[in-house]
Amino acid sequence: MDARVVQLIGDGSSLEMPCNSTLPYLVFHLKNLNKFVCLEILVKCSDGKKRRLICSNQQSTTRITKNGCSMPL
């Protein structure tokens, strides 16, 4: 991706950004969250398992499973 800013509009909008990084941090800046939004990130761990991190402003509690985590924004 060459763009510094990406705008996603509409239900079911998605963006795929494959990357190969060993850095422990991932930072997103979200603006104008006056509607419900969900950010879903699929991560491949060092042991080869895929885990899902879901961040949403529709929930107020954190849920942790063996395959992922969902938490509020």
Protein backbone atom coordinates (compact mmCIF):
# COMPACT_ATOMS: atom_id res chain seq x y z
CA MET A 1 0.00 0.00 0.00
CA ASP A 2 1.42 3.35 -0.99
CA ALA A 3 -1.29 5.54 0.57
CA ARG A 4 -0.74 7.19 3.95
CA VAL A 5 -4.49 7.42 4.60
CA VAL A 6 -7.21 4.91 3.72
CA GLN A 7 -10.92 5.64 4.00
CA LEU A 8 -13.37 2.73 4.17
CA ILE A 9 -17.03 3.56 3.62
CA GLY A 10 -20.04 1.24 3.67
CA ASP A 11 -21.23 -1.95 5.28
CA GLY A 12 -18.86 -4.86 4.87
CA SER A 13 -15.93 -2.71 3.78
CA SER A 14 -12.61 -4.44 4.17
CA LEU A 15 -8.93 -3.87 3.60
CA GLU A 16 -6.20 -6.49 3.48
CA MET A 17 -2.64 -5.49 4.34
CA PRO A 18 -0.35 -8.51 4.36
CA CYS A 19 2.92 -7.82 6.13
CA ASN A 20 5.86 -9.74 7.50
CA SER A 21 7.04 -8.10 10.68
CA THR A 22 8.61 -9.15 13.94
CA LEU A 23 7.78 -5.87 15.66
CA PRO A 24 5.50 -6.33 18.69
CA TYR A 25 3.28 -3.27 18.05
CA LEU A 26 0.47 -2.53 15.63
CA VAL A 27 -1.05 0.97 15.74
CA PHE A 28 -4.26 2.17 14.09
CA HIS A 29 -5.73 5.66 14.41
CA LEU A 30 -9.51 5.58 14.00
CA LYS A 31 -11.52 8.76 13.57
CA ASN A 32 -15.21 9.66 13.55
CA LEU A 33 -16.48 6.64 15.44
CA ASN A 34 -20.04 7.90 15.75
CA LYS A 35 -21.28 4.64 14.14
CA PHE A 36 -20.56 1.03 15.04
CA VAL A 37 -17.22 -0.21 13.76
CA CYS A 38 -15.31 -3.47 14.06
CA LEU A 39 -11.60 -3.92 13.41
CA GLU A 40 -10.62 -7.56 12.83
CA ILE A 41 -6.95 -8.55 12.69
CA LEU A 42 -5.70 -12.03 11.81
CA VAL A 43 -2.23 -12.77 13.18
CA LYS A 44 0.00 -15.76 12.53
CA CYS A 45 1.94 -16.57 15.71
CA SER A 46 5.52 -17.80 15.88
CA ASP A 47 4.23 -21.35 16.42
CA GLY A 48 2.31 -21.17 13.12
CA LYS A 49 -1.20 -20.86 14.58
CA LYS A 50 -3.56 -18.17 13.30
CA ARG A 51 -5.24 -16.04 15.97
CA ARG A 52 -7.96 -13.42 15.56
CA LEU A 53 -8.07 -10.08 17.38
CA ILE A 54 -11.41 -8.27 17.14
CA CYS A 55 -11.82 -4.68 18.38
CA SER A 56 -15.30 -3.18 18.32
CA ASN A 57 -17.21 -0.26 19.80
CA GLN A 58 -20.34 -2.47 19.98
CA GLN A 59 -19.19 -4.37 23.07
CA SER A 60 -18.11 -3.42 26.57
CA THR A 61 -16.35 -6.58 27.80
CA THR A 62 -13.23 -8.45 26.78
CA ARG A 63 -13.55 -12.08 25.71
CA ILE A 64 -10.58 -14.40 25.36
CA THR A 65 -10.65 -17.80 23.64
CA LYS A 66 -7.91 -20.20 22.64
CA ASN A 67 -8.03 -18.89 19.05
CA GLY A 68 -8.37 -15.18 19.68
CA CYS A 69 -9.56 -12.22 21.66
CA SER A 70 -12.34 -9.66 21.28
CA MET A 71 -12.23 -6.37 23.14
CA PRO A 72 -13.92 -2.97 23.17
CA LEU A 73 -12.48 0.12 21.53
